[in-house]
Full PDB file with SEQRES, HELIX, SHEET, SSBOND, CRYST1, ORIGX, SCALE, CONECT and MASTER records, all heavy atoms in Angstrom:
SEQRES   1 A   39  LEU PRO ASP ARG ARG LEU PRO GLY VAL VAL PHE VAL GLY          
SEQRES   2 A   39  VAL ARG ASP ASP GLY THR CYS ALA GLY LEU ASN VAL ASP          
SEQRES   3 A   39  ASP ALA LEU LEU ARG ARG LEU ALA GLY LEU ARG ASP GLU          
HELIX    1 AA1 ASP A   27  GLY A   35  1                                   9    
HELIX    2 AA2 LEU A   36  ASP A   38  5                                   3    
CRYST1    1.000    1.000    1.000  90.00  90.00  90.00 P 1           1          
ORIGX1      1.000000  0.000000  0.000000        0.00000                         
ORIGX2      0.000000  1.000000  0.000000        0.00000                         
ORIGX3      0.000000  0.000000  1.000000        0.00000                         
SCALE1      1.000000  0.000000  0.000000        0.00000                         
SCALE2      0.000000  1.000000  0.000000        0.00000                         
SCALE3      0.000000  0.000000  1.000000        0.00000                         
ATOM      1  N   LEU A   1       0.799  -1.228   0.000  1.00  0.00           N  
ATOM      2  CA  LEU A   1       0.000   0.000   0.000  1.00  0.00           C  
ATOM      3  C   LEU A   1       0.833   1.280   0.000  1.00  0.00           C  
ATOM      4  O   LEU A   1       0.441   2.255  -0.637  1.00  0.00           O  
ATOM      5  CB  LEU A   1      -0.990  -0.015   1.165  1.00  0.00           C  
ATOM      6  CG  LEU A   1      -2.070  -1.100   1.056  1.00  0.00           C  
ATOM      7  CD1 LEU A   1      -2.968  -1.086   2.284  1.00  0.00           C  
ATOM      8  CD2 LEU A   1      -2.886  -0.934  -0.211  1.00  0.00           C  
ATOM      9  N   PRO A   2       2.009   1.320   0.663  1.00  0.00           N  
ATOM     10  CA  PRO A   2       2.818   2.537   0.576  1.00  0.00           C  
ATOM     11  C   PRO A   2       3.511   2.693  -0.785  1.00  0.00           C  
ATOM     12  O   PRO A   2       4.173   3.692  -1.024  1.00  0.00           O  
ATOM     13  CB  PRO A   2       3.867   2.376   1.682  1.00  0.00           C  
ATOM     14  CG  PRO A   2       3.409   1.276   2.538  1.00  0.00           C  
ATOM     15  CD  PRO A   2       2.507   0.420   1.688  1.00  0.00           C  
ATOM     16  N   ASP A   3       3.349   1.704  -1.661  1.00  0.00           N  
ATOM     17  CA  ASP A   3       3.935   1.708  -3.004  1.00  0.00           C  
ATOM     18  C   ASP A   3       5.452   1.891  -2.972  1.00  0.00           C  
ATOM     19  O   ASP A   3       6.024   2.621  -3.763  1.00  0.00           O  
ATOM     20  CB  ASP A   3       3.286   2.788  -3.872  1.00  0.00           C  
ATOM     21  CG  ASP A   3       3.546   2.553  -5.361  1.00  0.00           C  
ATOM     22  OD1 ASP A   3       3.699   1.387  -5.766  1.00  0.00           O  
ATOM     23  OD2 ASP A   3       3.627   3.544  -6.112  1.00  0.00           O  
ATOM     24  N   ARG A   4       6.093   1.164  -2.073  1.00  0.00           N  
ATOM     25  CA  ARG A   4       7.553   1.240  -1.952  1.00  0.00           C  
ATOM     26  C   ARG A   4       8.262   0.430  -3.046  1.00  0.00           C  
ATOM     27  O   ARG A   4       9.416   0.670  -3.334  1.00  0.00           O  
ATOM     28  CB  ARG A   4       7.995   0.762  -0.584  1.00  0.00           C  
ATOM     29  CG  ARG A   4       7.504   1.648   0.527  1.00  0.00           C  
ATOM     30  CD  ARG A   4       8.276   1.365   1.786  1.00  0.00           C  
ATOM     31  NE  ARG A   4       7.778   2.133   2.905  1.00  0.00           N  
ATOM     32  CZ  ARG A   4       8.121   3.375   3.165  1.00  0.00           C  
ATOM     33  NH1 ARG A   4       8.938   4.005   2.365  1.00  0.00           N  
ATOM     34  NH2 ARG A   4       7.627   4.003   4.212  1.00  0.00           N  
ATOM     35  N   ARG A   5       7.554  -0.553  -3.582  1.00  0.00           N  
ATOM     36  CA  ARG A   5       8.136  -1.436  -4.602  1.00  0.00           C  
ATOM     37  C   ARG A   5       9.403  -2.124  -4.108  1.00  0.00           C  
ATOM     38  O   ARG A   5      10.348  -2.343  -4.860  1.00  0.00           O  
ATOM     39  CB  ARG A   5       8.374  -0.679  -5.902  1.00  0.00           C  
ATOM     40  CG  ARG A   5       7.081  -0.144  -6.471  1.00  0.00           C  
ATOM     41  CD  ARG A   5       7.291   0.744  -7.641  1.00  0.00           C  
ATOM     42  NE  ARG A   5       6.041   1.421  -7.949  1.00  0.00           N  
ATOM     43  CZ  ARG A   5       5.452   1.352  -9.121  1.00  0.00           C  
ATOM     44  NH1 ARG A   5       5.976   0.678 -10.088  1.00  0.00           N  
ATOM     45  NH2 ARG A   5       4.322   1.995  -9.307  1.00  0.00           N  
ATOM     46  N   LEU A   6       9.383  -2.430  -2.819  1.00  0.00           N  
ATOM     47  CA  LEU A   6      10.470  -3.133  -2.155  1.00  0.00           C  
ATOM     48  C   LEU A   6       9.868  -4.301  -1.378  1.00  0.00           C  
ATOM     49  O   LEU A   6       8.728  -4.215  -0.927  1.00  0.00           O  
ATOM     50  CB  LEU A   6      11.203  -2.205  -1.183  1.00  0.00           C  
ATOM     51  CG  LEU A   6      11.927  -1.014  -1.804  1.00  0.00           C  
ATOM     52  CD1 LEU A   6      12.339  -0.025  -0.715  1.00  0.00           C  
ATOM     53  CD2 LEU A   6      13.137  -1.477  -2.594  1.00  0.00           C  
ATOM     54  N   PRO A   7      10.617  -5.366  -1.208  1.00  0.00           N  
ATOM     55  CA  PRO A   7      10.051  -6.512  -0.488  1.00  0.00           C  
ATOM     56  C   PRO A   7       9.860  -6.231   0.994  1.00  0.00           C  
ATOM     57  O   PRO A   7      10.643  -5.508   1.612  1.00  0.00           O  
ATOM     58  CB  PRO A   7      11.093  -7.614  -0.700  1.00  0.00           C  
ATOM     59  CG  PRO A   7      12.369  -6.894  -0.968  1.00  0.00           C  
ATOM     60  CD  PRO A   7      11.980  -5.623  -1.669  1.00  0.00           C  
ATOM     61  N   GLY A   8       8.798  -6.802   1.538  1.00  0.00           N  
ATOM     62  CA  GLY A   8       8.589  -6.790   2.979  1.00  0.00           C  
ATOM     63  C   GLY A   8       9.249  -8.028   3.554  1.00  0.00           C  
ATOM     64  O   GLY A   8       9.399  -9.045   2.874  1.00  0.00           O  
ATOM     65  N   VAL A   9       9.658  -7.946   4.814  1.00  0.00           N  
ATOM     66  CA  VAL A   9      10.364  -9.050   5.447  1.00  0.00           C  
ATOM     67  C   VAL A   9       9.725  -9.355   6.791  1.00  0.00           C  
ATOM     68  O   VAL A   9       9.505  -8.444   7.600  1.00  0.00           O  
ATOM     69  CB  VAL A   9      11.861  -8.711   5.661  1.00  0.00           C  
ATOM     70  CG1 VAL A   9      12.578  -9.849   6.371  1.00  0.00           C  
ATOM     71  CG2 VAL A   9      12.531  -8.407   4.334  1.00  0.00           C  
ATOM     72  N   VAL A  10       9.426 -10.628   7.020  1.00  0.00           N  
ATOM     73  CA  VAL A  10       8.971 -11.083   8.327  1.00  0.00           C  
ATOM     74  C   VAL A  10      10.113 -11.892   8.924  1.00  0.00           C  
ATOM     75  O   VAL A  10      10.498 -12.928   8.380  1.00  0.00           O  
ATOM     76  CB  VAL A  10       7.699 -11.958   8.226  1.00  0.00           C  
ATOM     77  CG1 VAL A  10       7.282 -12.431   9.610  1.00  0.00           C  
ATOM     78  CG2 VAL A  10       6.571 -11.201   7.551  1.00  0.00           C  
ATOM     79  N   PHE A  11      10.681 -11.382  10.008  1.00  0.00           N  
ATOM     80  CA  PHE A  11      11.734 -12.099  10.721  1.00  0.00           C  
ATOM     81  C   PHE A  11      11.060 -12.987  11.756  1.00  0.00           C  
ATOM     82  O   PHE A  11      10.495 -12.486  12.727  1.00  0.00           O  
ATOM     83  CB  PHE A  11      12.679 -11.125  11.434  1.00  0.00           C  
ATOM     84  CG  PHE A  11      13.581 -10.344  10.523  1.00  0.00           C  
ATOM     85  CD1 PHE A  11      13.250  -9.067  10.107  1.00  0.00           C  
ATOM     86  CD2 PHE A  11      14.788 -10.891  10.100  1.00  0.00           C  
ATOM     87  CE1 PHE A  11      14.100  -8.341   9.294  1.00  0.00           C  
ATOM     88  CE2 PHE A  11      15.641 -10.173   9.279  1.00  0.00           C  
ATOM     89  CZ  PHE A  11      15.301  -8.899   8.865  1.00  0.00           C  
ATOM     90  N   VAL A  12      11.102 -14.294  11.552  1.00  0.00           N  
ATOM     91  CA  VAL A  12      10.520 -15.245  12.501  1.00  0.00           C  
ATOM     92  C   VAL A  12      11.634 -15.674  13.451  1.00  0.00           C  
ATOM     93  O   VAL A  12      12.743 -16.006  13.013  1.00  0.00           O  
ATOM     94  CB  VAL A  12       9.919 -16.459  11.771  1.00  0.00           C  
ATOM     95  CG1 VAL A  12       9.401 -17.484  12.763  1.00  0.00           C  
ATOM     96  CG2 VAL A  12       8.798 -16.011  10.840  1.00  0.00           C  
ATOM     97  N   GLY A  13      11.341 -15.648  14.741  1.00  0.00           N  
ATOM     98  CA  GLY A  13      12.344 -15.985  15.750  1.00  0.00           C  
ATOM     99  C   GLY A  13      13.023 -14.743  16.293  1.00  0.00           C  
ATOM    100  O   GLY A  13      14.095 -14.820  16.894  1.00  0.00           O  
ATOM    101  N   VAL A  14      12.388 -13.581  16.107  1.00  0.00           N  
ATOM    102  CA  VAL A  14      12.930 -12.308  16.581  1.00  0.00           C  
ATOM    103  C   VAL A  14      11.899 -11.641  17.486  1.00  0.00           C  
ATOM    104  O   VAL A  14      10.728 -11.508  17.108  1.00  0.00           O  
ATOM    105  CB  VAL A  14      13.294 -11.387  15.390  1.00  0.00           C  
ATOM    106  CG1 VAL A  14      13.767 -10.034  15.886  1.00  0.00           C  
ATOM    107  CG2 VAL A  14      14.352 -12.034  14.510  1.00  0.00           C  
ATOM    108  N   ARG A  15      12.349 -11.219  18.662  1.00  0.00           N  
ATOM    109  CA  ARG A  15      11.465 -10.507  19.598  1.00  0.00           C  
ATOM    110  C   ARG A  15      11.192  -9.093  19.099  1.00  0.00           C  
ATOM    111  O   ARG A  15      11.904  -8.580  18.235  1.00  0.00           O  
ATOM    112  CB  ARG A  15      12.120 -10.437  20.982  1.00  0.00           C  
ATOM    113  CG  ARG A  15      12.259 -11.772  21.659  1.00  0.00           C  
ATOM    114  CD  ARG A  15      12.842 -11.584  23.069  1.00  0.00           C  
ATOM    115  NE  ARG A  15      13.116 -12.867  23.657  1.00  0.00           N  
ATOM    116  CZ  ARG A  15      14.310 -13.467  23.643  1.00  0.00           C  
ATOM    117  NH1 ARG A  15      15.351 -12.882  23.071  1.00  0.00           N  
ATOM    118  NH2 ARG A  15      14.474 -14.644  24.202  1.00  0.00           N  
ATOM    119  N   ASP A  16      10.199  -8.435  19.682  1.00  0.00           N  
ATOM    120  CA  ASP A  16       9.832  -7.071  19.283  1.00  0.00           C  
ATOM    121  C   ASP A  16      10.990  -6.084  19.431  1.00  0.00           C  
ATOM    122  O   ASP A  16      11.033  -5.076  18.742  1.00  0.00           O  
ATOM    123  CB  ASP A  16       8.631  -6.567  20.081  1.00  0.00           C  
ATOM    124  CG  ASP A  16       7.329  -7.202  19.615  1.00  0.00           C  
ATOM    125  OD1 ASP A  16       7.286  -7.723  18.484  1.00  0.00           O  
ATOM    126  OD2 ASP A  16       6.353  -7.171  20.381  1.00  0.00           O  
ATOM    127  N   ASP A  17      11.936  -6.383  20.339  1.00  0.00           N  
ATOM    128  CA  ASP A  17      13.078  -5.473  20.516  1.00  0.00           C  
ATOM    129  C   ASP A  17      14.225  -5.785  19.554  1.00  0.00           C  
ATOM    130  O   ASP A  17      15.292  -5.177  19.626  1.00  0.00           O  
ATOM    131  CB  ASP A  17      13.565  -5.486  21.967  1.00  0.00           C  
ATOM    132  CG  ASP A  17      14.136  -6.841  22.402  1.00  0.00           C  
ATOM    133  OD1 ASP A  17      14.183  -7.791  21.588  1.00  0.00           O  
ATOM    134  OD2 ASP A  17      14.523  -6.946  23.579  1.00  0.00           O  
ATOM    135  N   GLY A  18      14.016  -6.752  18.643  1.00  0.00           N  
ATOM    136  CA  GLY A  18      15.021  -7.081  17.635  1.00  0.00           C  
ATOM    137  C   GLY A  18      16.038  -8.119  18.063  1.00  0.00           C  
ATOM    138  O   GLY A  18      16.967  -8.418  17.322  1.00  0.00           O  
ATOM    139  N   THR A  19      15.867  -8.697  19.245  1.00  0.00           N  
ATOM    140  CA  THR A  19      16.808  -9.716  19.709  1.00  0.00           C  
ATOM    141  C   THR A  19      16.320 -11.113  19.338  1.00  0.00           C  
ATOM    142  O   THR A  19      15.127 -11.331  19.101  1.00  0.00           O  
ATOM    143  CB  THR A  19      17.001  -9.640  21.246  1.00  0.00           C  
ATOM    144  OG1 THR A  19      15.745  -9.863  21.886  1.00  0.00           O  
ATOM    145  CG2 THR A  19      17.584  -8.304  21.653  1.00  0.00           C  
ATOM    146  N   CYS A  20      17.238 -12.050  19.317  1.00  0.00           N  
ATOM    147  CA  CYS A  20      16.929 -13.436  18.963  1.00  0.00           C  
ATOM    148  C   CYS A  20      16.076 -14.084  20.044  1.00  0.00           C  
ATOM    149  O   CYS A  20      16.366 -13.978  21.234  1.00  0.00           O  
ATOM    150  CB  CYS A  20      18.233 -14.211  18.786  1.00  0.00           C  
ATOM    151  SG  CYS A  20      17.984 -15.939  18.364  1.00  0.00           S  
ATOM    152  N   ALA A  21      15.022 -14.766  19.616  1.00  0.00           N  
ATOM    153  CA  ALA A  21      14.114 -15.436  20.554  1.00  0.00           C  
ATOM    154  C   ALA A  21      14.512 -16.883  20.808  1.00  0.00           C  
ATOM    155  O   ALA A  21      13.902 -17.559  21.622  1.00  0.00           O  
ATOM    156  CB  ALA A  21      12.684 -15.386  20.019  1.00  0.00           C  
ATOM    157  N   GLY A  22      15.541 -17.366  20.101  1.00  0.00           N  
ATOM    158  CA  GLY A  22      15.990 -18.740  20.314  1.00  0.00           C  
ATOM    159  C   GLY A  22      15.061 -19.788  19.729  1.00  0.00           C  
ATOM    160  O   GLY A  22      15.079 -20.933  20.154  1.00  0.00           O  
ATOM    161  N   LEU A  23      14.270 -19.409  18.754  1.00  0.00           N  
ATOM    162  CA  LEU A  23      13.340 -20.337  18.116  1.00  0.00           C  
ATOM    163  C   LEU A  23      14.107 -21.362  17.292  1.00  0.00           C  
ATOM    164  O   LEU A  23      15.035 -21.014  16.556  1.00  0.00           O  
ATOM    165  CB  LEU A  23      12.376 -19.563  17.218  1.00  0.00           C  
ATOM    166  CG  LEU A  23      11.320 -20.362  16.456  1.00  0.00           C  
ATOM    167  CD1 LEU A  23      10.326 -20.984  17.437  1.00  0.00           C  
ATOM    168  CD2 LEU A  23      10.594 -19.455  15.480  1.00  0.00           C  
ATOM    169  N   ASN A  24      13.733 -22.613  17.393  1.00  0.00           N  
ATOM    170  CA  ASN A  24      14.350 -23.663  16.587  1.00  0.00           C  
ATOM    171  C   ASN A  24      13.750 -23.601  15.181  1.00  0.00           C  
ATOM    172  O   ASN A  24      12.600 -23.972  14.976  1.00  0.00           O  
ATOM    173  CB  ASN A  24      14.115 -25.038  17.216  1.00  0.00           C  
ATOM    174  CG  ASN A  24      14.749 -26.151  16.407  1.00  0.00           C  
ATOM    175  OD1 ASN A  24      15.739 -25.941  15.715  1.00  0.00           O  
ATOM    176  ND2 ASN A  24      14.177 -27.338  16.497  1.00  0.00           N  
ATOM    177  N   VAL A  25      14.531 -23.132  14.245  1.00  0.00           N  
ATOM    178  CA  VAL A  25      14.064 -23.008  12.861  1.00  0.00           C  
ATOM    179  C   VAL A  25      14.526 -24.261  12.120  1.00  0.00           C  
ATOM    180  O   VAL A  25      15.632 -24.324  11.593  1.00  0.00           O  
ATOM    181  CB  VAL A  25      14.608 -21.726  12.197  1.00  0.00           C  
ATOM    182  CG1 VAL A  25      14.104 -21.619  10.768  1.00  0.00           C  
ATOM    183  CG2 VAL A  25      14.211 -20.509  12.999  1.00  0.00           C  
ATOM    184  N   ASP A  26      13.651 -25.256  12.101  1.00  0.00           N  
ATOM    185  CA  ASP A  26      13.971 -26.515  11.446  1.00  0.00           C  
ATOM    186  C   ASP A  26      13.190 -26.646  10.139  1.00  0.00           C  
ATOM    187  O   ASP A  26      12.430 -25.765   9.763  1.00  0.00           O  
ATOM    188  CB  ASP A  26      13.694 -27.697  12.380  1.00  0.00           C  
ATOM    189  CG  ASP A  26      12.258 -27.752  12.875  1.00  0.00           C  
ATOM    190  OD1 ASP A  26      11.399 -27.015  12.333  1.00  0.00           O  
ATOM    191  OD2 ASP A  26      11.985 -28.540  13.794  1.00  0.00           O  
ATOM    192  N   ASP A  27      13.404 -27.748   9.447  1.00  0.00           N  
ATOM    193  CA  ASP A  27      12.740 -27.956   8.156  1.00  0.00           C  
ATOM    194  C   ASP A  27      11.222 -27.971   8.281  1.00  0.00           C  
ATOM    195  O   ASP A  27      10.513 -27.477   7.402  1.00  0.00           O  
ATOM    196  CB  ASP A  27      13.223 -29.249   7.504  1.00  0.00           C  
ATOM    197  CG  ASP A  27      14.651 -29.151   7.000  1.00  0.00           C  
ATOM    198  OD1 ASP A  27      15.134 -28.013   6.797  1.00  0.00           O  
ATOM    199  OD2 ASP A  27      15.289 -30.202   6.802  1.00  0.00           O  
ATOM    200  N   ALA A  28      10.710 -28.511   9.373  1.00  0.00           N  
ATOM    201  CA  ALA A  28       9.254 -28.558   9.567  1.00  0.00           C  
ATOM    202  C   ALA A  28       8.678 -27.146   9.668  1.00  0.00           C  
ATOM    203  O   ALA A  28       7.639 -26.856   9.074  1.00  0.00           O  
ATOM    204  CB  ALA A  28       8.912 -29.367  10.818  1.00  0.00           C  
ATOM    205  N   LEU A  29       9.357 -26.265  10.385  1.00  0.00           N  
ATOM    206  CA  LEU A  29       8.894 -24.879  10.501  1.00  0.00           C  
ATOM    207  C   LEU A  29       8.965 -24.183   9.147  1.00  0.00           C  
ATOM    208  O   LEU A  29       8.033 -23.481   8.758  1.00  0.00           O  
ATOM    209  CB  LEU A  29       9.711 -24.115  11.535  1.00  0.00           C  
ATOM    210  CG  LEU A  29       9.361 -22.633  11.683  1.00  0.00           C  
ATOM    211  CD1 LEU A  29       7.902 -22.445  12.085  1.00  0.00           C  
ATOM    212  CD2 LEU A  29      10.286 -21.965  12.672  1.00  0.00           C  
ATOM    213  N   LEU A  30      10.037 -24.390   8.413  1.00  0.00           N  
ATOM    214  CA  LEU A  30      10.166 -23.773   7.095  1.00  0.00           C  
ATOM    215  C   LEU A  30       9.061 -24.238   6.153  1.00  0.00           C  
ATOM    216  O   LEU A  30       8.485 -23.434   5.417  1.00  0.00           O  
ATOM    217  CB  LEU A  30      11.544 -24.060   6.500  1.00  0.00           C  
ATOM    218  CG  LEU A  30      12.732 -23.443   7.242  1.00  0.00           C  
ATOM    219  CD1 LEU A  30      14.044 -23.951   6.657  1.00  0.00           C  
ATOM    220  CD2 LEU A  30      12.668 -21.935   7.218  1.00  0.00           C  
ATOM    221  N   ARG A  31       8.744 -25.526   6.183  1.00  0.00           N  
ATOM    222  CA  ARG A  31       7.651 -26.048   5.346  1.00  0.00           C  
ATOM    223  C   ARG A  31       6.317 -25.441   5.768  1.00  0.00           C  
ATOM    224  O   ARG A  31       5.480 -25.093   4.927  1.00  0.00           O  
ATOM    225  CB  ARG A  31       7.588 -27.570   5.419  1.00  0.00           C  
ATOM    226  CG  ARG A  31       8.648 -28.271   4.583  1.00  0.00           C  
ATOM    227  CD  ARG A  31       8.383 -29.762   4.460  1.00  0.00           C  
ATOM    228  NE  ARG A  31       8.313 -30.435   5.750  1.00  0.00           N  
ATOM    229  CZ  ARG A  31       9.353 -30.936   6.407  1.00  0.00           C  
ATOM    230  NH1 ARG A  31      10.557 -30.835   5.902  1.00  0.00           N  
ATOM    231  NH2 ARG A  31       9.192 -31.532   7.562  1.00  0.00           N  
ATOM    232  N   ARG A  32       6.118 -25.315   7.076  1.00  0.00           N  
ATOM    233  CA  ARG A  32       4.865 -24.730   7.580  1.00  0.00           C  
ATOM    234  C   ARG A  32       4.731 -23.275   7.114  1.00  0.00           C  
ATOM    235  O   ARG A  32       3.660 -22.851   6.674  1.00  0.00           O  
ATOM    236  CB  ARG A  32       4.844 -24.806   9.100  1.00  0.00           C  
ATOM    237  CG  ARG A  32       3.573 -24.285   9.695  1.00  0.00           C  
ATOM    238  CD  ARG A  32       3.538 -24.546  11.176  1.00  0.00           C  
ATOM    239  NE  ARG A  32       2.351 -23.916  11.733  1.00  0.00           N  
ATOM    240  CZ  ARG A  32       2.272 -23.446  12.942  1.00  0.00           C  
ATOM    241  NH1 ARG A  32       3.284 -23.538  13.757  1.00  0.00           N  
ATOM    242  NH2 ARG A  32       1.161 -22.895  13.370  1.00  0.00           N  
ATOM    243  N   LEU A  33       5.802 -22.520   7.204  1.00  0.00           N  
ATOM    244  CA  LEU A  33       5.767 -21.125   6.764  1.00  0.00           C  
ATOM    245  C   LEU A  33       5.527 -21.028   5.260  1.00  0.00           C  
ATOM    246  O   LEU A  33       4.721 -20.216   4.810  1.00  0.00           O  
ATOM    247  CB  LEU A  33       7.071 -20.413   7.137  1.00  0.00           C  
ATOM    248  CG  LEU A  33       7.311 -20.215   8.631  1.00  0.00           C  
ATOM    249  CD1 LEU A  33       8.729 -19.701   8.875  1.00  0.00           C  
ATOM    250  CD2 LEU A  33       6.282 -19.286   9.227  1.00  0.00           C  
ATOM    251  N   ALA A  34       6.205 -21.849   4.493  1.00  0.00           N  
ATOM    252  CA  ALA A  34       6.016 -21.838   3.039  1.00  0.00           C  
ATOM    253  C   ALA A  34       4.591 -22.239   2.677  1.00  0.00           C  
ATOM    254  O   ALA A  34       4.020 -21.735   1.709  1.00  0.00           O  
ATOM    255  CB  ALA A  34       7.021 -22.764   2.368  1.00  0.00           C  
ATOM    256  N   GLY A  35       3.996 -23.115   3.453  1.00  0.00           N  
ATOM    257  CA  GLY A  35       2.639 -23.578   3.195  1.00  0.00           C  
ATOM    258  C   GLY A  35       1.574 -22.516   3.413  1.00  0.00           C  
ATOM    259  O   GLY A  35       0.463 -22.641   2.901  1.00  0.00           O  
ATOM    260  N   LEU A  36       1.906 -21.450   4.160  1.00  0.00           N  
ATOM    261  CA  LEU A  36       0.930 -20.378   4.384  1.00  0.00           C  
ATOM    262  C   LEU A  36       0.479 -19.762   3.068  1.00  0.00           C  
ATOM    263  O   LEU A  36      -0.663 -19.360   2.916  1.00  0.00           O  
ATOM    264  CB  LEU A  36       1.528 -19.286   5.278  1.00  0.00           C  
ATOM    265  CG  LEU A  36       1.786 -19.660   6.718  1.00  0.00           C  
ATOM    266  CD1 LEU A  36       2.501 -18.521   7.434  1.00  0.00           C  
ATOM    267  CD2 LEU A  36       0.498 -20.011   7.429  1.00  0.00           C  
ATOM    268  N   ARG A  37       1.373 -19.707   2.113  1.00  0.00           N  
ATOM    269  CA  ARG A  37       1.072 -19.118   0.812  1.00  0.00           C  
ATOM    270  C   ARG A  37       0.011 -19.940   0.068  1.00  0.00           C  
ATOM    271  O   ARG A  37      -0.824 -19.394  -0.641  1.00  0.00           O  
ATOM    272  CB  ARG A  37       2.359 -19.056  -0.015  1.00  0.00           C  
ATOM    273  CG  ARG A  37       2.172 -18.517  -1.390  1.00  0.00           C  
ATOM    274  CD  ARG A  37       3.531 -18.548  -2.117  1.00  0.00           C  
ATOM    275  NE  ARG A  37       3.433 -17.957  -3.413  1.00  0.00           N  
ATOM    276  CZ  ARG A  37       3.113 -18.614  -4.523  1.00  0.00           C  
ATOM    277  NH1 ARG A  37       2.865 -19.889  -4.482  1.00  0.00           N  
ATOM    278  NH2 ARG A  37       3.053 -17.983  -5.669  1.00  0.00           N  
ATOM    279  N   ASP A  38       0.057 -21.241   0.231  1.00  0.00           N  
ATOM    280  CA  ASP A  38      -0.790 -22.140  -0.548  1.00  0.00           C  
ATOM    281  C   ASP A  38      -2.129 -22.453   0.097  1.00  0.00           C  
ATOM    282  O   ASP A  38      -2.913 -23.204  -0.467  1.00  0.00           O  
ATOM    283  CB  ASP A  38      -0.032 -23.438  -0.829  1.00  0.00           C  
ATOM    284  CG  ASP A  38       1.243 -23.190  -1.615  1.00  0.00           C  
ATOM    285  OD1 ASP A  38       1.247 -22.259  -2.442  1.00  0.00           O  
ATOM    286  OD2 ASP A  38       2.223 -23.914  -1.387  1.00  0.00           O  
ATOM    287  N   GLU A  39      -2.392 -21.905   1.275  1.00  0.00           N  
ATOM    288  CA  GLU A  39      -3.647 -22.196   1.963  1.00  0.00           C  
ATOM    289  C   GLU A  39      -4.835 -21.459   1.364  1.00  0.00           C  
ATOM    290  O   GLU A  39      -5.970 -21.737   1.705  1.00  0.00           O  
ATOM    291  CB  GLU A  39      -3.529 -21.844   3.451  1.00  0.00           C  
ATOM    292  CG  GLU A  39      -2.586 -22.751   4.203  1.00  0.00           C  
ATOM    293  CD  GLU A  39      -2.406 -22.333   5.646  1.00  0.00           C  
ATOM    294  OE1 GLU A  39      -2.933 -21.276   6.054  1.00  0.00           O  
ATOM    295  OE2 GLU A  39      -1.735 -23.070   6.378  1.00  0.00           O  
TER     296      GLU A  39                                                      
MASTER        0    0    0    2    0    0    0    6  295    1    0    3          
END                                                                             
């Protein structure tokens, strides 16, 4: 909507203050995230 013509980024495993949350980013999580597009 702001017409930036730049990609948006969702950092998964990052707290609101920008620090690492220690989330285990494994293949199952990556597949789950990729699957959001196809739902």
